[in-house]
């Protein structure tokens, strides 16, 4: 899985993509996966705000599951 750390984000610890799903690990310990293509992951890495990108381009647009 390709991992991208997001130290400047107040809420998101890191994001990753395994070729099938986008994984978002939050600083509160929660982890979610989204059925988003790798292109979304690549765009998210370049976003000025990873959190804003998640809310505007990912949430509600791709199936999501909370990870254990």
PDB file of N, CA and C in Angstrom:
ATOM      1  N   UNK A   1       0.834  -1.173   0.000  1.00  0.00           N
ATOM      2  CA  UNK A   1       0.000   0.000   0.000  1.00  0.00           C
ATOM      3  C   UNK A   1       0.883   1.240   0.000  1.00  0.00           C
ATOM      4  N   UNK A   2       0.544   2.193  -0.832  1.00  0.00           N
ATOM      5  CA  UNK A   2       1.252   3.468  -0.839  1.00  0.00           C
ATOM      6  C   UNK A   2       0.661   4.342   0.258  1.00  0.00           C
ATOM      7  N   UNK A   3       1.517   4.895   1.119  1.00  0.00           N
ATOM      8  CA  UNK A   3       1.101   5.707   2.260  1.00  0.00           C
ATOM      9  C   UNK A   3       1.604   7.132   2.076  1.00  0.00           C
ATOM     10  N   UNK A   4       0.766   8.087   2.479  1.00  0.00           N
ATOM     11  CA  UNK A   4       1.141   9.506   2.447  1.00  0.00           C
ATOM     12  C   UNK A   4       0.774  10.107   3.795  1.00  0.00           C
ATOM     13  N   UNK A   5       1.784  10.527   4.569  1.00  0.00           N
ATOM     14  CA  UNK A   5       1.546  11.144   5.870  1.00  0.00           C
ATOM     15  C   UNK A   5       1.099  12.589   5.686  1.00  0.00           C
ATOM     16  N   UNK A   6       0.201  13.034   6.563  1.00  0.00           N
ATOM     17  CA  UNK A   6      -0.360  14.384   6.456  1.00  0.00           C
ATOM     18  C   UNK A   6      -0.161  15.144   7.768  1.00  0.00           C
ATOM     19  N   UNK A   7       1.081  15.491   8.106  1.00  0.00           N
ATOM     20  CA  UNK A   7       1.359  16.137   9.396  1.00  0.00           C
ATOM     21  C   UNK A   7       0.716  17.512   9.548  1.00  0.00           C
ATOM     22  N   UNK A   8       0.410  18.180   8.456  1.00  0.00           N
ATOM     23  CA  UNK A   8      -0.179  19.516   8.537  1.00  0.00           C
ATOM     24  C   UNK A   8      -1.680  19.487   8.743  1.00  0.00           C
ATOM     25  N   UNK A   9      -2.302  18.333   8.601  1.00  0.00           N
ATOM     26  CA  UNK A   9      -3.741  18.221   8.793  1.00  0.00           C
ATOM     27  C   UNK A   9      -4.071  18.160  10.282  1.00  0.00           C
ATOM     28  N   UNK A  10      -5.118  18.864  10.674  1.00  0.00           N
ATOM     29  CA  UNK A  10      -5.521  18.854  12.079  1.00  0.00           C
ATOM     30  C   UNK A  10      -6.312  17.601  12.445  1.00  0.00           C
ATOM     31  N   UNK A  11      -6.831  16.890  11.441  1.00  0.00           N
ATOM     32  CA  UNK A  11      -7.717  15.762  11.697  1.00  0.00           C
ATOM     33  C   UNK A  11      -7.242  14.441  11.096  1.00  0.00           C
ATOM     34  N   UNK A  12      -6.522  14.504   9.989  1.00  0.00           N
ATOM     35  CA  UNK A  12      -6.129  13.288   9.261  1.00  0.00           C
ATOM     36  C   UNK A  12      -4.651  12.998   9.486  1.00  0.00           C
ATOM     37  N   UNK A  13      -4.365  11.784   9.945  1.00  0.00           N
ATOM     38  CA  UNK A  13      -2.986  11.367  10.238  1.00  0.00           C
ATOM     39  C   UNK A  13      -2.244  10.971   8.962  1.00  0.00           C
ATOM     40  N   UNK A  14      -2.927  10.149   8.135  1.00  0.00           N
ATOM     41  CA  UNK A  14      -2.308   9.693   6.881  1.00  0.00           C
ATOM     42  C   UNK A  14      -3.396   9.145   5.972  1.00  0.00           C
ATOM     43  N   UNK A  15      -3.045   9.071   4.687  1.00  0.00           N
ATOM     44  CA  UNK A  15      -3.917   8.460   3.690  1.00  0.00           C
ATOM     45  C   UNK A  15      -3.098   7.404   2.953  1.00  0.00           C
ATOM     46  N   UNK A  16      -3.790   6.455   2.376  1.00  0.00           N
ATOM     47  CA  UNK A  16      -3.103   5.408   1.631  1.00  0.00           C
ATOM     48  C   UNK A  16      -4.008   4.849   0.551  1.00  0.00           C
ATOM     49  N   UNK A  17      -3.423   4.131  -0.382  1.00  0.00           N
ATOM     50  CA  UNK A  17      -4.191   3.458  -1.427  1.00  0.00           C
ATOM     51  C   UNK A  17      -3.510   2.146  -1.751  1.00  0.00           C
ATOM     52  N   UNK A  18      -4.319   1.080  -1.824  1.00  0.00           N
ATOM     53  CA  UNK A  18      -3.762  -0.247  -2.082  1.00  0.00           C
ATOM     54  C   UNK A  18      -4.066  -0.754  -3.489  1.00  0.00           C
ATOM     55  N   UNK A  19      -4.503   0.138  -4.362  1.00  0.00           N
ATOM     56  CA  UNK A  19      -4.858  -0.266  -5.717  1.00  0.00           C
ATOM     57  C   UNK A  19      -6.348  -0.496  -5.880  1.00  0.00           C
ATOM     58  N   UNK A  20      -7.054  -0.629  -4.754  1.00  0.00           N
ATOM     59  CA  UNK A  20      -8.503  -0.842  -4.779  1.00  0.00           C
ATOM     60  C   UNK A  20      -9.252   0.196  -3.956  1.00  0.00           C
ATOM     61  N   UNK A  21      -8.726   0.496  -2.766  1.00  0.00           N
ATOM     62  CA  UNK A  21      -9.434   1.411  -1.875  1.00  0.00           C
ATOM     63  C   UNK A  21      -8.511   2.506  -1.335  1.00  0.00           C
ATOM     64  N   UNK A  22      -9.125   3.651  -1.051  1.00  0.00           N
ATOM     65  CA  UNK A  22      -8.472   4.759  -0.369  1.00  0.00           C
ATOM     66  C   UNK A  22      -8.661   4.544   1.125  1.00  0.00           C
ATOM     67  N   UNK A  23      -7.589   4.601   1.880  1.00  0.00           N
ATOM     68  CA  UNK A  23      -7.649   4.435   3.330  1.00  0.00           C
ATOM     69  C   UNK A  23      -7.304   5.773   3.975  1.00  0.00           C
ATOM     70  N   UNK A  24      -8.144   6.190   4.924  1.00  0.00           N
ATOM     71  CA  UNK A  24      -7.921   7.439   5.648  1.00  0.00           C
ATOM     72  C   UNK A  24      -7.837   7.116   7.136  1.00  0.00           C
ATOM     73  N   UNK A  25      -6.681   7.395   7.721  1.00  0.00           N
ATOM     74  CA  UNK A  25      -6.467   7.201   9.152  1.00  0.00           C
ATOM     75  C   UNK A  25      -6.539   8.564   9.827  1.00  0.00           C
ATOM     76  N   UNK A  26      -7.433   8.672  10.814  1.00  0.00           N
ATOM     77  CA  UNK A  26      -7.636   9.926  11.517  1.00  0.00           C
ATOM     78  C   UNK A  26      -6.797   9.984  12.791  1.00  0.00           C
ATOM     79  N   UNK A  27      -6.509  11.177  13.224  1.00  0.00           N
ATOM     80  CA  UNK A  27      -5.687  11.353  14.421  1.00  0.00           C
ATOM     81  C   UNK A  27      -6.385  10.870  15.686  1.00  0.00           C
ATOM     82  N   UNK A  28      -7.721  10.709  15.658  1.00  0.00           N
ATOM     83  CA  UNK A  28      -8.446  10.208  16.819  1.00  0.00           C
ATOM     84  C   UNK A  28      -8.425   8.682  16.897  1.00  0.00           C
ATOM     85  N   UNK A  29      -7.765   8.027  15.929  1.00  0.00           N
ATOM     86  CA  UNK A  29      -7.636   6.575  15.929  1.00  0.00           C
ATOM     87  C   UNK A  29      -8.575   5.855  14.983  1.00  0.00           C
ATOM     88  N   UNK A  30      -9.603   6.549  14.479  1.00  0.00           N
ATOM     89  CA  UNK A  30     -10.519   5.928  13.521  1.00  0.00           C
ATOM     90  C   UNK A  30      -9.823   5.736  12.177  1.00  0.00           C
ATOM     91  N   UNK A  31     -10.279   4.736  11.448  1.00  0.00           N
ATOM     92  CA  UNK A  31      -9.756   4.463  10.120  1.00  0.00           C
ATOM     93  C   UNK A  31     -10.920   4.082   9.216  1.00  0.00           C
ATOM     94  N   UNK A  32     -10.977   4.704   8.050  1.00  0.00           N
ATOM     95  CA  UNK A  32     -12.051   4.452   7.082  1.00  0.00           C
ATOM     96  C   UNK A  32     -11.443   4.102   5.739  1.00  0.00           C
ATOM     97  N   UNK A  33     -12.177   3.291   4.973  1.00  0.00           N
ATOM     98  CA  UNK A  33     -11.767   3.029   3.593  1.00  0.00           C
ATOM     99  C   UNK A  33     -12.907   3.409   2.662  1.00  0.00           C
ATOM    100  N   UNK A  34     -12.530   3.910   1.503  1.00  0.00           N
ATOM    101  CA  UNK A  34     -13.467   4.394   0.501  1.00  0.00           C
ATOM    102  C   UNK A  34     -13.149   3.712  -0.828  1.00  0.00           C
ATOM    103  N   UNK A  35     -14.178   3.341  -1.553  1.00  0.00           N
ATOM    104  CA  UNK A  35     -14.000   2.709  -2.872  1.00  0.00           C
ATOM    105  C   UNK A  35     -13.682   3.769  -3.922  1.00  0.00           C
ATOM    106  N   UNK A  36     -12.589   4.449  -3.725  1.00  0.00           N
ATOM    107  CA  UNK A  36     -12.167   5.539  -4.600  1.00  0.00           C
ATOM    108  C   UNK A  36     -10.960   5.104  -5.428  1.00  0.00           C
ATOM    109  N   UNK A  37     -10.891   5.545  -6.673  1.00  0.00           N
ATOM    110  CA  UNK A  37      -9.759   5.159  -7.522  1.00  0.00           C
ATOM    111  C   UNK A  37      -8.454   5.821  -7.076  1.00  0.00           C
ATOM    112  N   UNK A  38      -7.371   5.285  -7.558  1.00  0.00           N
ATOM    113  CA  UNK A  38      -6.041   5.809  -7.206  1.00  0.00           C
ATOM    114  C   UNK A  38      -5.881   7.268  -7.632  1.00  0.00           C
ATOM    115  N   UNK A  39      -6.567   7.668  -8.683  1.00  0.00           N
ATOM    116  CA  UNK A  39      -6.473   9.065  -9.137  1.00  0.00           C
ATOM    117  C   UNK A  39      -6.963  10.031  -8.049  1.00  0.00           C
ATOM    118  N   UNK A  40      -7.962   9.628  -7.275  1.00  0.00           N
ATOM    119  CA  UNK A  40      -8.446  10.459  -6.171  1.00  0.00           C
ATOM    120  C   UNK A  40      -7.358  10.573  -5.097  1.00  0.00           C
ATOM    121  N   UNK A  41      -6.701   9.469  -4.795  1.00  0.00           N
ATOM    122  CA  UNK A  41      -5.582   9.481  -3.842  1.00  0.00           C
ATOM    123  C   UNK A  41      -4.489  10.441  -4.312  1.00  0.00           C
ATOM    124  N   UNK A  42      -4.146  10.376  -5.598  1.00  0.00           N
ATOM    125  CA  UNK A  42      -3.093  11.245  -6.143  1.00  0.00           C
ATOM    126  C   UNK A  42      -3.498  12.715  -6.041  1.00  0.00           C
ATOM    127  N   UNK A  43      -4.751  13.024  -6.326  1.00  0.00           N
ATOM    128  CA  UNK A  43      -5.237  14.399  -6.204  1.00  0.00           C
ATOM    129  C   UNK A  43      -5.234  14.844  -4.744  1.00  0.00           C
ATOM    130  N   UNK A  44      -5.638  13.934  -3.861  1.00  0.00           N
ATOM    131  CA  UNK A  44      -5.718  14.257  -2.439  1.00  0.00           C
ATOM    132  C   UNK A  44      -4.337  14.605  -1.878  1.00  0.00           C
ATOM    133  N   UNK A  45      -3.303  13.914  -2.328  1.00  0.00           N
ATOM    134  CA  UNK A  45      -1.937  14.186  -1.874  1.00  0.00           C
ATOM    135  C   UNK A  45      -1.511  15.613  -2.216  1.00  0.00           C
ATOM    136  N   UNK A  46      -2.043  16.160  -3.292  1.00  0.00           N
ATOM    137  CA  UNK A  46      -1.653  17.492  -3.766  1.00  0.00           C
ATOM    138  C   UNK A  46      -2.553  18.602  -3.228  1.00  0.00           C
ATOM    139  N   UNK A  47      -3.632  18.233  -2.554  1.00  0.00           N
ATOM    140  CA  UNK A  47      -4.609  19.224  -2.080  1.00  0.00           C
ATOM    141  C   UNK A  47      -4.014  20.136  -1.011  1.00  0.00           C
ATOM    142  N   UNK A  48      -4.429  21.406  -1.027  1.00  0.00           N
ATOM    143  CA  UNK A  48      -3.986  22.349   0.000  1.00  0.00           C
ATOM    144  C   UNK A  48      -4.498  21.913   1.367  1.00  0.00           C
ATOM    145  N   UNK A  49      -5.715  21.361   1.391  1.00  0.00           N
ATOM    146  CA  UNK A  49      -6.305  20.845   2.629  1.00  0.00           C
ATOM    147  C   UNK A  49      -6.834  19.439   2.368  1.00  0.00           C
ATOM    148  N   UNK A  50      -6.200  18.450   2.982  1.00  0.00           N
ATOM    149  CA  UNK A  50      -6.614  17.056   2.806  1.00  0.00           C
ATOM    150  C   UNK A  50      -8.021  16.847   3.369  1.00  0.00           C
ATOM    151  N   UNK A  51      -8.317  17.482   4.509  1.00  0.00           N
ATOM    152  CA  UNK A  51      -9.633  17.357   5.119  1.00  0.00           C
ATOM    153  C   UNK A  51     -10.736  17.936   4.243  1.00  0.00           C
ATOM    154  N   UNK A  52     -10.497  19.109   3.681  1.00  0.00           N
ATOM    155  CA  UNK A  52     -11.486  19.729   2.788  1.00  0.00           C
ATOM    156  C   UNK A  52     -11.692  18.881   1.542  1.00  0.00           C
ATOM    157  N   UNK A  53     -10.611  18.326   1.016  1.00  0.00           N
ATOM    158  CA  UNK A  53     -10.713  17.453  -0.149  1.00  0.00           C
ATOM    159  C   UNK A  53     -11.560  16.231   0.185  1.00  0.00           C
ATOM    160  N   UNK A  54     -11.313  15.634   1.340  1.00  0.00           N
ATOM    161  CA  UNK A  54     -12.081  14.462   1.761  1.00  0.00           C
ATOM    162  C   UNK A  54     -13.575  14.788   1.795  1.00  0.00           C
ATOM    163  N   UNK A  55     -13.920  15.921   2.384  1.00  0.00           N
ATOM    164  CA  UNK A  55     -15.331  16.283   2.524  1.00  0.00           C
ATOM    165  C   UNK A  55     -15.980  16.663   1.197  1.00  0.00           C
ATOM    166  N   UNK A  56     -15.242  17.298   0.312  1.00  0.00           N
ATOM    167  CA  UNK A  56     -15.856  17.762  -0.935  1.00  0.00           C
ATOM    168  C   UNK A  56     -15.780  16.760  -2.082  1.00  0.00           C
ATOM    169  N   UNK A  57     -14.773  15.903  -2.077  1.00  0.00           N
ATOM    170  CA  UNK A  57     -14.558  15.035  -3.236  1.00  0.00           C
ATOM    171  C   UNK A  57     -14.709  13.538  -2.964  1.00  0.00           C
ATOM    172  N   UNK A  58     -14.751  13.135  -1.683  1.00  0.00           N
ATOM    173  CA  UNK A  58     -14.772  11.707  -1.363  1.00  0.00           C
ATOM    174  C   UNK A  58     -16.031  11.305  -0.593  1.00  0.00           C
ATOM    175  N   UNK A  59     -16.263  11.929   0.556  1.00  0.00           N
ATOM    176  CA  UNK A  59     -17.420  11.557   1.384  1.00  0.00           C
ATOM    177  C   UNK A  59     -18.722  11.754   0.618  1.00  0.00           C
ATOM    178  N   UNK A  60     -19.562  10.733   0.665  1.00  0.00           N
ATOM    179  CA  UNK A  60     -20.849  10.790  -0.008  1.00  0.00           C
ATOM    180  C   UNK A  60     -20.794  10.483  -1.494  1.00  0.00           C
ATOM    181  N   UNK A  61     -19.588  10.342  -2.028  1.00  0.00           N
ATOM    182  CA  UNK A  61     -19.425  10.052  -3.458  1.00  0.00           C
ATOM    183  C   UNK A  61     -18.927   8.632  -3.712  1.00  0.00           C
ATOM    184  N   UNK A  62     -18.312   8.023  -2.692  1.00  0.00           N
ATOM    185  CA  UNK A  62     -17.794   6.667  -2.798  1.00  0.00           C
ATOM    186  C   UNK A  62     -18.278   5.863  -1.599  1.00  0.00           C
ATOM    187  N   UNK A  63     -18.504   4.583  -1.807  1.00  0.00           N
ATOM    188  CA  UNK A  63     -18.902   3.701  -0.693  1.00  0.00           C
ATOM    189  C   UNK A  63     -17.804   3.745   0.372  1.00  0.00           C
ATOM    190  N   UNK A  64     -18.222   3.730   1.640  1.00  0.00           N
ATOM    191  CA  UNK A  64     -17.277   3.839   2.757  1.00  0.00           C
ATOM    192  C   UNK A  64     -17.555   2.791   3.805  1.00  0.00           C
ATOM    193  N   UNK A  65     -16.478   2.348   4.451  1.00  0.00           N
ATOM    194  CA  UNK A  65     -16.564   1.388   5.537  1.00  0.00           C
ATOM    195  C   UNK A  65     -15.561   1.758   6.614  1.00  0.00           C
ATOM    196  N   UNK A  66     -16.017   1.670   7.870  1.00  0.00           N
ATOM    197  CA  UNK A  66     -15.096   1.888   8.985  1.00  0.00           C
ATOM    198  C   UNK A  66     -14.268   0.632   9.163  1.00  0.00           C
ATOM    199  N   UNK A  67     -12.963   0.814   9.329  1.00  0.00           N
ATOM    200  CA  UNK A  67     -12.055  -0.326   9.516  1.00  0.00           C
ATOM    201  C   UNK A  67     -11.906  -0.626  10.993  1.00  0.00           C
ATOM    202  N   UNK A  68     -11.638  -1.867  11.294  1.00  0.00           N
ATOM    203  CA  UNK A  68     -11.430  -2.279  12.697  1.00  0.00           C
ATOM    204  C   UNK A  68     -10.042  -1.945  13.162  1.00  0.00           C
TER     205      UNK A  68
END
